[in-house]
């Protein structure tokens, strides 16, 4: 395993911890971290119920925290790790923040726009990010399956 792969796994494991935090709070278990210059500058987990805010997805929460940490709404050179393939809204936020790379865990066949339903990352939009899916996908997917199984 290369150093880059090991770092990716370390950061995704932190996103999984944050996803568990969301699940423990009754939110859909998705977690995200933004990494810049090999350090976490923003963390987030799903909070739309607690925040009474439809935009409080893990990715947007992590992006907001990262922008605050670096003092800029542009996050060029940053990587966002998220346990679930991003949705349309979160991908738009990533593009506006100029996130350079996105690494996600589980694919989302219902709302994922990194290849599952649509592929915005290959669209002719102004900004593009490199996207890599499937990192620790089984662990990320297991959190979601357990969460939804408990509610059925």
N, C-alpha and C. Protein backbone atom coordinates (compact mmCIF):
# COMPACT_ATOMS: atom_id res chain seq x y z
N UNK A 1 0.85 -1.18 0.00
CA UNK A 1 0.00 0.00 0.00
C UNK A 1 0.90 1.24 0.00
N UNK A 2 0.63 2.17 -0.90
CA UNK A 2 1.45 3.38 -0.97
C UNK A 2 1.09 4.33 0.16
N UNK A 3 1.96 5.29 0.38
CA UNK A 3 1.72 6.30 1.43
C UNK A 3 0.42 7.06 1.17
N UNK A 4 0.18 7.41 -0.11
CA UNK A 4 -1.05 8.11 -0.46
C UNK A 4 -2.27 7.26 -0.13
N UNK A 5 -2.21 5.97 -0.46
CA UNK A 5 -3.33 5.07 -0.15
C UNK A 5 -3.55 4.98 1.35
N UNK A 6 -2.46 4.90 2.11
CA UNK A 6 -2.56 4.82 3.56
C UNK A 6 -3.19 6.09 4.12
N UNK A 7 -2.76 7.25 3.64
CA UNK A 7 -3.35 8.51 4.08
C UNK A 7 -4.83 8.57 3.73
N UNK A 8 -5.19 8.13 2.53
CA UNK A 8 -6.60 8.10 2.14
C UNK A 8 -7.40 7.26 3.12
N UNK A 9 -6.87 6.11 3.47
CA UNK A 9 -7.59 5.23 4.39
C UNK A 9 -7.72 5.87 5.78
N UNK A 10 -6.68 6.50 6.25
CA UNK A 10 -6.73 7.17 7.57
C UNK A 10 -7.82 8.24 7.57
N UNK A 11 -7.85 9.06 6.53
CA UNK A 11 -8.85 10.14 6.49
C UNK A 11 -10.26 9.60 6.31
N UNK A 12 -10.41 8.52 5.53
CA UNK A 12 -11.74 7.93 5.38
C UNK A 12 -12.20 7.30 6.68
N UNK A 13 -11.29 6.73 7.43
CA UNK A 13 -11.69 6.15 8.73
C UNK A 13 -12.20 7.24 9.67
N UNK A 14 -11.62 8.42 9.59
CA UNK A 14 -12.14 9.54 10.40
C UNK A 14 -13.54 9.92 9.93
N UNK A 15 -13.76 9.92 8.62
CA UNK A 15 -15.09 10.21 8.09
C UNK A 15 -16.10 9.15 8.57
N UNK A 16 -15.67 7.90 8.65
CA UNK A 16 -16.54 6.84 9.16
C UNK A 16 -16.90 7.09 10.62
N UNK A 17 -15.94 7.52 11.43
CA UNK A 17 -16.24 7.87 12.83
C UNK A 17 -17.30 8.96 12.90
N UNK A 18 -17.19 9.95 12.03
CA UNK A 18 -18.17 11.04 12.02
C UNK A 18 -19.53 10.55 11.53
N UNK A 19 -19.54 9.62 10.59
CA UNK A 19 -20.80 9.02 10.13
C UNK A 19 -21.48 8.30 11.28
N UNK A 20 -20.70 7.58 12.08
CA UNK A 20 -21.28 6.90 13.25
C UNK A 20 -21.89 7.89 14.23
N UNK A 21 -21.25 9.04 14.37
CA UNK A 21 -21.77 10.11 15.23
C UNK A 21 -23.15 10.55 14.74
N UNK A 22 -23.27 10.73 13.41
CA UNK A 22 -24.56 11.11 12.83
C UNK A 22 -25.60 10.02 13.11
N UNK A 23 -25.24 8.78 12.86
CA UNK A 23 -26.16 7.67 13.09
C UNK A 23 -26.61 7.58 14.54
N UNK A 24 -25.68 7.78 15.47
CA UNK A 24 -26.01 7.76 16.90
C UNK A 24 -27.01 8.84 17.27
N UNK A 25 -27.01 9.94 16.49
CA UNK A 25 -27.92 11.05 16.74
C UNK A 25 -29.23 10.90 15.96
N UNK A 26 -29.40 9.77 15.26
CA UNK A 26 -30.63 9.53 14.51
C UNK A 26 -30.63 10.13 13.12
N UNK A 27 -29.48 10.61 12.68
CA UNK A 27 -29.34 11.17 11.34
C UNK A 27 -28.80 10.07 10.41
N UNK A 28 -29.01 10.21 9.12
CA UNK A 28 -28.45 9.26 8.16
C UNK A 28 -26.93 9.29 8.34
N UNK A 29 -26.30 8.13 8.56
CA UNK A 29 -24.87 8.10 8.91
C UNK A 29 -23.92 8.38 7.74
N UNK A 30 -23.65 9.64 7.53
CA UNK A 30 -22.68 10.08 6.54
C UNK A 30 -21.73 11.04 7.23
N UNK A 31 -20.44 10.85 6.99
CA UNK A 31 -19.42 11.73 7.57
C UNK A 31 -18.47 12.19 6.49
N UNK A 32 -17.84 13.36 6.74
CA UNK A 32 -16.92 13.92 5.76
C UNK A 32 -15.81 14.70 6.45
N UNK A 33 -14.64 14.70 5.81
CA UNK A 33 -13.53 15.54 6.26
C UNK A 33 -12.91 16.22 5.05
N UNK A 34 -12.43 17.44 5.27
CA UNK A 34 -11.68 18.16 4.25
C UNK A 34 -10.24 18.21 4.72
N UNK A 35 -9.34 17.81 3.83
CA UNK A 35 -7.91 17.75 4.15
C UNK A 35 -7.16 18.70 3.23
N UNK A 36 -6.33 19.52 3.84
CA UNK A 36 -5.49 20.44 3.07
C UNK A 36 -4.08 20.35 3.64
N UNK A 37 -3.12 20.17 2.77
CA UNK A 37 -1.72 20.04 3.17
C UNK A 37 -1.54 18.98 4.27
N UNK A 38 -2.18 17.84 4.03
CA UNK A 38 -2.10 16.64 4.86
C UNK A 38 -2.64 16.80 6.29
N UNK A 39 -3.51 17.80 6.50
CA UNK A 39 -4.15 17.90 7.81
C UNK A 39 -5.63 18.19 7.63
N UNK A 40 -6.41 17.69 8.57
CA UNK A 40 -7.86 17.91 8.52
C UNK A 40 -8.13 19.36 8.90
N UNK A 41 -8.82 20.08 8.00
CA UNK A 41 -9.17 21.47 8.26
C UNK A 41 -10.68 21.65 8.45
N UNK A 42 -11.45 20.60 8.18
CA UNK A 42 -12.89 20.67 8.37
C UNK A 42 -13.48 19.29 8.52
N UNK A 43 -14.45 19.18 9.41
CA UNK A 43 -15.16 17.92 9.62
C UNK A 43 -16.66 18.19 9.61
N UNK A 44 -17.41 17.18 9.20
CA UNK A 44 -18.85 17.31 9.22
C UNK A 44 -19.54 15.96 9.22
N UNK A 45 -20.76 15.96 9.64
CA UNK A 45 -21.61 14.77 9.61
C UNK A 45 -23.02 15.25 9.34
N UNK A 46 -23.86 14.35 8.85
CA UNK A 46 -25.22 14.74 8.52
C UNK A 46 -25.92 15.31 9.75
N UNK A 47 -26.56 16.47 9.57
CA UNK A 47 -27.26 17.15 10.67
C UNK A 47 -28.55 17.83 10.23
N UNK A 48 -29.20 17.42 9.13
CA UNK A 48 -30.38 18.17 8.71
C UNK A 48 -31.52 18.16 9.72
N UNK A 49 -31.68 17.06 10.46
CA UNK A 49 -32.74 17.02 11.47
C UNK A 49 -32.40 17.94 12.64
N UNK A 50 -31.22 17.81 13.18
CA UNK A 50 -30.81 18.61 14.34
C UNK A 50 -30.76 20.10 14.01
N UNK A 51 -30.31 20.43 12.81
CA UNK A 51 -30.16 21.83 12.42
C UNK A 51 -31.43 22.39 11.78
N UNK A 52 -32.42 21.53 11.53
CA UNK A 52 -33.62 21.94 10.79
C UNK A 52 -33.21 22.68 9.52
N UNK A 53 -32.26 22.06 8.79
CA UNK A 53 -31.66 22.69 7.62
C UNK A 53 -31.36 21.61 6.58
N UNK A 54 -32.07 21.65 5.47
CA UNK A 54 -31.90 20.65 4.42
C UNK A 54 -30.49 20.65 3.84
N UNK A 55 -29.73 21.73 4.00
CA UNK A 55 -28.38 21.80 3.44
C UNK A 55 -27.31 21.29 4.38
N UNK A 56 -27.68 20.81 5.54
CA UNK A 56 -26.69 20.35 6.53
C UNK A 56 -26.26 18.91 6.30
N UNK A 57 -25.79 18.65 5.09
CA UNK A 57 -25.19 17.35 4.78
C UNK A 57 -23.76 17.35 5.31
N UNK A 58 -23.21 16.16 5.44
CA UNK A 58 -21.85 16.01 5.97
C UNK A 58 -20.85 16.85 5.17
N UNK A 59 -20.96 16.81 3.85
CA UNK A 59 -20.02 17.53 3.00
C UNK A 59 -20.11 19.04 3.19
N UNK A 60 -21.33 19.58 3.24
CA UNK A 60 -21.46 21.03 3.39
C UNK A 60 -20.99 21.47 4.77
N UNK A 61 -21.25 20.66 5.77
CA UNK A 61 -20.76 20.98 7.11
C UNK A 61 -19.23 21.00 7.14
N UNK A 62 -18.61 20.01 6.50
CA UNK A 62 -17.14 19.94 6.46
C UNK A 62 -16.56 21.10 5.66
N UNK A 63 -17.20 21.45 4.56
CA UNK A 63 -16.72 22.57 3.74
C UNK A 63 -16.83 23.88 4.52
N UNK A 64 -17.95 24.10 5.19
CA UNK A 64 -18.10 25.32 6.00
C UNK A 64 -16.99 25.42 7.05
N UNK A 65 -16.74 24.32 7.74
CA UNK A 65 -15.70 24.31 8.78
C UNK A 65 -14.33 24.57 8.17
N UNK A 66 -14.06 23.95 7.02
CA UNK A 66 -12.76 24.13 6.37
C UNK A 66 -12.56 25.57 5.92
N UNK A 67 -13.59 26.17 5.34
CA UNK A 67 -13.49 27.56 4.90
C UNK A 67 -13.21 28.48 6.08
N UNK A 68 -13.87 28.20 7.20
CA UNK A 68 -13.63 28.99 8.40
C UNK A 68 -12.20 28.82 8.90
N UNK A 69 -11.71 27.59 8.90
CA UNK A 69 -10.35 27.30 9.37
C UNK A 69 -9.30 28.01 8.52
N UNK A 70 -9.44 27.93 7.19
CA UNK A 70 -8.42 28.52 6.31
C UNK A 70 -8.68 29.99 6.03
N UNK A 71 -9.85 30.49 6.40
CA UNK A 71 -10.15 31.90 6.20
C UNK A 71 -10.40 32.27 4.75
N UNK A 72 -10.95 31.32 3.98
CA UNK A 72 -11.19 31.56 2.57
C UNK A 72 -12.28 30.62 2.10
N UNK A 73 -13.14 31.09 1.22
CA UNK A 73 -14.18 30.21 0.69
C UNK A 73 -13.67 29.32 -0.43
N UNK A 74 -12.45 29.53 -0.86
CA UNK A 74 -11.82 28.68 -1.87
C UNK A 74 -10.89 27.68 -1.17
N UNK A 75 -11.03 26.44 -1.54
CA UNK A 75 -10.26 25.37 -0.91
C UNK A 75 -9.41 24.64 -1.95
N UNK A 76 -8.79 25.40 -2.84
CA UNK A 76 -7.95 24.81 -3.88
C UNK A 76 -6.86 23.94 -3.25
N UNK A 77 -6.64 22.79 -3.82
CA UNK A 77 -5.64 21.87 -3.32
C UNK A 77 -6.15 20.93 -2.23
N UNK A 78 -7.40 21.11 -1.81
CA UNK A 78 -7.97 20.29 -0.73
C UNK A 78 -8.61 19.02 -1.29
N UNK A 79 -8.65 18.00 -0.45
CA UNK A 79 -9.35 16.75 -0.75
C UNK A 79 -10.49 16.60 0.24
N UNK A 80 -11.66 16.23 -0.25
CA UNK A 80 -12.81 15.95 0.60
C UNK A 80 -13.04 14.45 0.60
N UNK A 81 -13.07 13.86 1.79
CA UNK A 81 -13.37 12.44 1.97
C UNK A 81 -14.78 12.35 2.53
N UNK A 82 -15.61 11.50 1.94
CA UNK A 82 -16.98 11.35 2.39
C UNK A 82 -17.38 9.89 2.27
N UNK A 83 -18.18 9.42 3.21
CA UNK A 83 -18.52 8.00 3.27
C UNK A 83 -19.54 7.57 2.22
N UNK A 84 -20.26 8.53 1.62
CA UNK A 84 -21.27 8.20 0.62
C UNK A 84 -21.08 9.09 -0.60
N UNK A 85 -21.28 8.54 -1.77
CA UNK A 85 -21.18 9.31 -3.01
C UNK A 85 -21.99 10.60 -2.89
N UNK A 86 -21.40 11.72 -3.26
CA UNK A 86 -22.08 13.00 -3.08
C UNK A 86 -23.35 13.16 -3.92
N UNK A 87 -24.25 13.99 -3.40
CA UNK A 87 -25.48 14.35 -4.10
C UNK A 87 -25.22 15.59 -4.95
N UNK A 88 -26.24 16.02 -5.65
CA UNK A 88 -26.16 17.19 -6.53
C UNK A 88 -25.79 18.45 -5.76
N UNK A 89 -26.46 18.70 -4.64
CA UNK A 89 -26.20 19.90 -3.85
C UNK A 89 -24.76 19.93 -3.34
N UNK A 90 -24.31 18.84 -2.78
CA UNK A 90 -22.97 18.80 -2.20
C UNK A 90 -21.90 18.91 -3.28
N UNK A 91 -22.13 18.31 -4.43
CA UNK A 91 -21.18 18.42 -5.52
C UNK A 91 -21.08 19.87 -5.98
N UNK A 92 -22.19 20.56 -6.06
CA UNK A 92 -22.17 21.98 -6.40
C UNK A 92 -21.36 22.78 -5.40
N UNK A 93 -21.52 22.48 -4.12
CA UNK A 93 -20.74 23.18 -3.08
C UNK A 93 -19.25 22.89 -3.24
N UNK A 94 -18.92 21.65 -3.57
CA UNK A 94 -17.51 21.28 -3.78
C UNK A 94 -16.92 22.06 -4.94
N UNK A 95 -17.69 22.17 -6.02
CA UNK A 95 -17.21 22.91 -7.19
C UNK A 95 -17.02 24.39 -6.87
N UNK A 96 -17.97 24.98 -6.16
CA UNK A 96 -17.85 26.40 -5.80
C UNK A 96 -16.69 26.64 -4.85
N UNK A 97 -16.40 25.69 -3.98
CA UNK A 97 -15.28 25.83 -3.05
C UNK A 97 -13.95 25.49 -3.70
N UNK A 98 -14.00 24.98 -4.92
CA UNK A 98 -12.79 24.61 -5.67
C UNK A 98 -12.03 23.44 -5.04
N UNK A 99 -12.77 22.52 -4.41
CA UNK A 99 -12.17 21.29 -3.91
C UNK A 99 -11.47 20.61 -5.08
N UNK A 100 -10.24 20.16 -4.89
CA UNK A 100 -9.47 19.58 -5.99
C UNK A 100 -9.71 18.09 -6.19
N UNK A 101 -10.03 17.40 -5.10
CA UNK A 101 -10.16 15.94 -5.17
C UNK A 101 -11.25 15.50 -4.22
N UNK A 102 -12.03 14.52 -4.65
CA UNK A 102 -13.10 13.95 -3.83
C UNK A 102 -12.91 12.44 -3.77
N UNK A 103 -12.90 11.89 -2.57
CA UNK A 103 -12.78 10.46 -2.36
C UNK A 103 -14.02 10.02 -1.57
N UNK A 104 -14.79 9.10 -2.13
CA UNK A 104 -15.98 8.64 -1.40
C UNK A 104 -15.95 7.14 -1.19
N UNK A 105 -16.76 6.70 -0.24
CA UNK A 105 -16.84 5.29 0.11
C UNK A 105 -17.89 4.56 -0.71
N UNK A 106 -19.10 4.50 -0.19
CA UNK A 106 -20.18 3.75 -0.83
C UNK A 106 -20.81 4.52 -1.98
N UNK A 107 -21.17 3.80 -3.02
CA UNK A 107 -21.91 4.40 -4.13
C UNK A 107 -23.36 4.60 -3.70
N UNK A 108 -24.01 5.61 -4.27
CA UNK A 108 -25.41 5.91 -3.96
C UNK A 108 -26.24 5.79 -5.23
N UNK A 109 -26.90 4.64 -5.43
CA UNK A 109 -27.64 4.40 -6.67
C UNK A 109 -28.91 5.24 -6.81
N UNK A 110 -29.29 5.98 -5.76
CA UNK A 110 -30.51 6.79 -5.83
C UNK A 110 -30.24 8.26 -6.07
N UNK A 111 -29.18 8.81 -5.47
CA UNK A 111 -28.93 10.25 -5.62
C UNK A 111 -27.48 10.60 -5.92
N UNK A 112 -26.63 9.62 -6.14
CA UNK A 112 -25.21 9.88 -6.37
C UNK A 112 -24.94 10.50 -7.73
N UNK A 113 -24.14 11.57 -7.72
CA UNK A 113 -23.84 12.26 -8.99
C UNK A 113 -22.35 12.20 -9.34
N UNK A 114 -21.68 11.16 -8.84
CA UNK A 114 -20.29 10.92 -9.21
C UNK A 114 -20.22 9.64 -10.04
N UNK A 115 -21.30 9.36 -10.76
CA UNK A 115 -21.32 8.20 -11.65
C UNK A 115 -22.50 7.27 -11.47
N UNK A 116 -23.14 7.27 -10.31
CA UNK A 116 -24.24 6.33 -10.11
C UNK A 116 -25.51 6.72 -10.85
N UNK A 117 -25.99 7.94 -10.65
CA UNK A 117 -27.18 8.43 -11.35
C UNK A 117 -26.77 9.37 -12.47
N UNK A 118 -25.91 10.30 -12.14
CA UNK A 118 -25.30 11.25 -13.09
C UNK A 118 -23.81 11.28 -12.80
N UNK A 119 -23.07 11.92 -13.70
CA UNK A 119 -21.65 12.12 -13.44
C UNK A 119 -21.31 13.59 -13.66
N UNK A 120 -21.54 14.39 -12.63
CA UNK A 120 -21.24 15.82 -12.72
C UNK A 120 -19.74 16.09 -12.80
N UNK A 121 -18.96 15.16 -12.31
CA UNK A 121 -17.51 15.36 -12.29
C UNK A 121 -16.90 15.31 -13.69
N UNK A 122 -17.65 14.82 -14.68
CA UNK A 122 -17.16 14.82 -16.05
C UNK A 122 -17.96 15.78 -16.92
N UNK A 123 -18.75 16.64 -16.30
CA UNK A 123 -19.56 17.60 -17.04
C UNK A 123 -18.72 18.79 -17.49
N UNK A 124 -19.25 19.60 -18.39
CA UNK A 124 -18.49 20.77 -18.89
C UNK A 124 -18.59 21.99 -17.98
N UNK A 125 -18.84 21.79 -16.71
CA UNK A 125 -18.92 22.92 -15.78
C UNK A 125 -17.55 23.57 -15.61
N UNK A 126 -17.54 24.76 -15.07
CA UNK A 126 -16.33 25.57 -14.93
C UNK A 126 -15.24 24.88 -14.12
N UNK A 127 -15.59 24.28 -13.01
CA UNK A 127 -14.59 23.66 -12.14
C UNK A 127 -14.74 22.15 -12.18
N UNK A 128 -13.62 21.47 -12.08
CA UNK A 128 -13.64 20.01 -12.03
C UNK A 128 -12.79 19.56 -10.86
N UNK A 129 -13.19 18.46 -10.30
CA UNK A 129 -12.42 17.82 -9.24
C UNK A 129 -12.16 16.38 -9.69
N UNK A 130 -11.04 15.86 -9.29
CA UNK A 130 -10.77 14.44 -9.51
C UNK A 130 -11.62 13.68 -8.50
N UNK A 131 -12.30 12.64 -8.94
CA UNK A 131 -13.15 11.87 -8.03
C UNK A 131 -12.73 10.40 -8.07
N UNK A 132 -12.69 9.81 -6.87
CA UNK A 132 -12.36 8.40 -6.72
C UNK A 132 -13.38 7.78 -5.78
N UNK A 133 -14.03 6.73 -6.21
CA UNK A 133 -15.06 6.10 -5.40
C UNK A 133 -14.69 4.69 -4.97
N UNK A 134 -15.34 4.24 -3.91
CA UNK A 134 -15.20 2.88 -3.46
C UNK A 134 -14.21 2.63 -2.34
N UNK A 135 -13.62 3.67 -1.77
CA UNK A 135 -12.67 3.47 -0.67
C UNK A 135 -13.42 3.04 0.60
N UNK A 136 -13.07 1.89 1.12
CA UNK A 136 -13.73 1.30 2.29
C UNK A 136 -15.25 1.24 2.09
N UNK A 137 -15.65 0.94 0.87
CA UNK A 137 -17.06 0.94 0.49
C UNK A 137 -17.91 0.00 1.33
N UNK A 138 -17.37 -1.17 1.65
CA UNK A 138 -18.16 -2.13 2.44
C UNK A 138 -18.46 -1.59 3.83
N UNK A 139 -17.47 -1.00 4.48
CA UNK A 139 -17.68 -0.43 5.82
C UNK A 139 -18.65 0.74 5.76
N UNK A 140 -18.47 1.60 4.78
CA UNK A 140 -19.36 2.76 4.64
C UNK A 140 -20.78 2.32 4.35
N UNK A 141 -20.93 1.37 3.45
CA UNK A 141 -22.25 0.86 3.11
C UNK A 141 -22.92 0.13 4.26
N UNK A 142 -22.14 -0.59 5.05
CA UNK A 142 -22.70 -1.33 6.19
C UNK A 142 -23.35 -0.38 7.20
N UNK A 143 -22.75 0.78 7.42
CA UNK A 143 -23.36 1.76 8.34
C UNK A 143 -24.74 2.17 7.85
N UNK A 144 -24.84 2.43 6.56
CA UNK A 144 -26.12 2.87 5.98
C UNK A 144 -27.15 1.73 6.02
N UNK A 145 -26.73 0.52 5.65
CA UNK A 145 -27.65 -0.61 5.66
C UNK A 145 -28.19 -0.87 7.06
N UNK A 146 -27.33 -0.84 8.05
CA UNK A 146 -27.78 -1.07 9.43
C UNK A 146 -28.73 0.03 9.89
N UNK A 147 -28.43 1.25 9.54
CA UNK A 147 -29.27 2.37 9.92
C UNK A 147 -30.69 2.22 9.35
N UNK A 148 -30.77 1.94 8.04
CA UNK A 148 -32.08 1.84 7.42
C UNK A 148 -32.81 0.55 7.81
N UNK A 149 -32.08 -0.54 8.06
CA UNK A 149 -32.71 -1.78 8.51
C UNK A 149 -33.38 -1.60 9.86
N UNK A 150 -32.77 -0.81 10.73
CA UNK A 150 -33.32 -0.57 12.06
C UNK A 150 -34.60 0.28 12.00
N UNK A 151 -34.82 0.97 10.91
CA UNK A 151 -35.99 1.84 10.78
C UNK A 151 -37.13 1.22 10.00
N UNK A 152 -36.91 0.01 9.49
CA UNK A 152 -37.96 -0.64 8.71
C UNK A 152 -38.82 -1.51 9.56
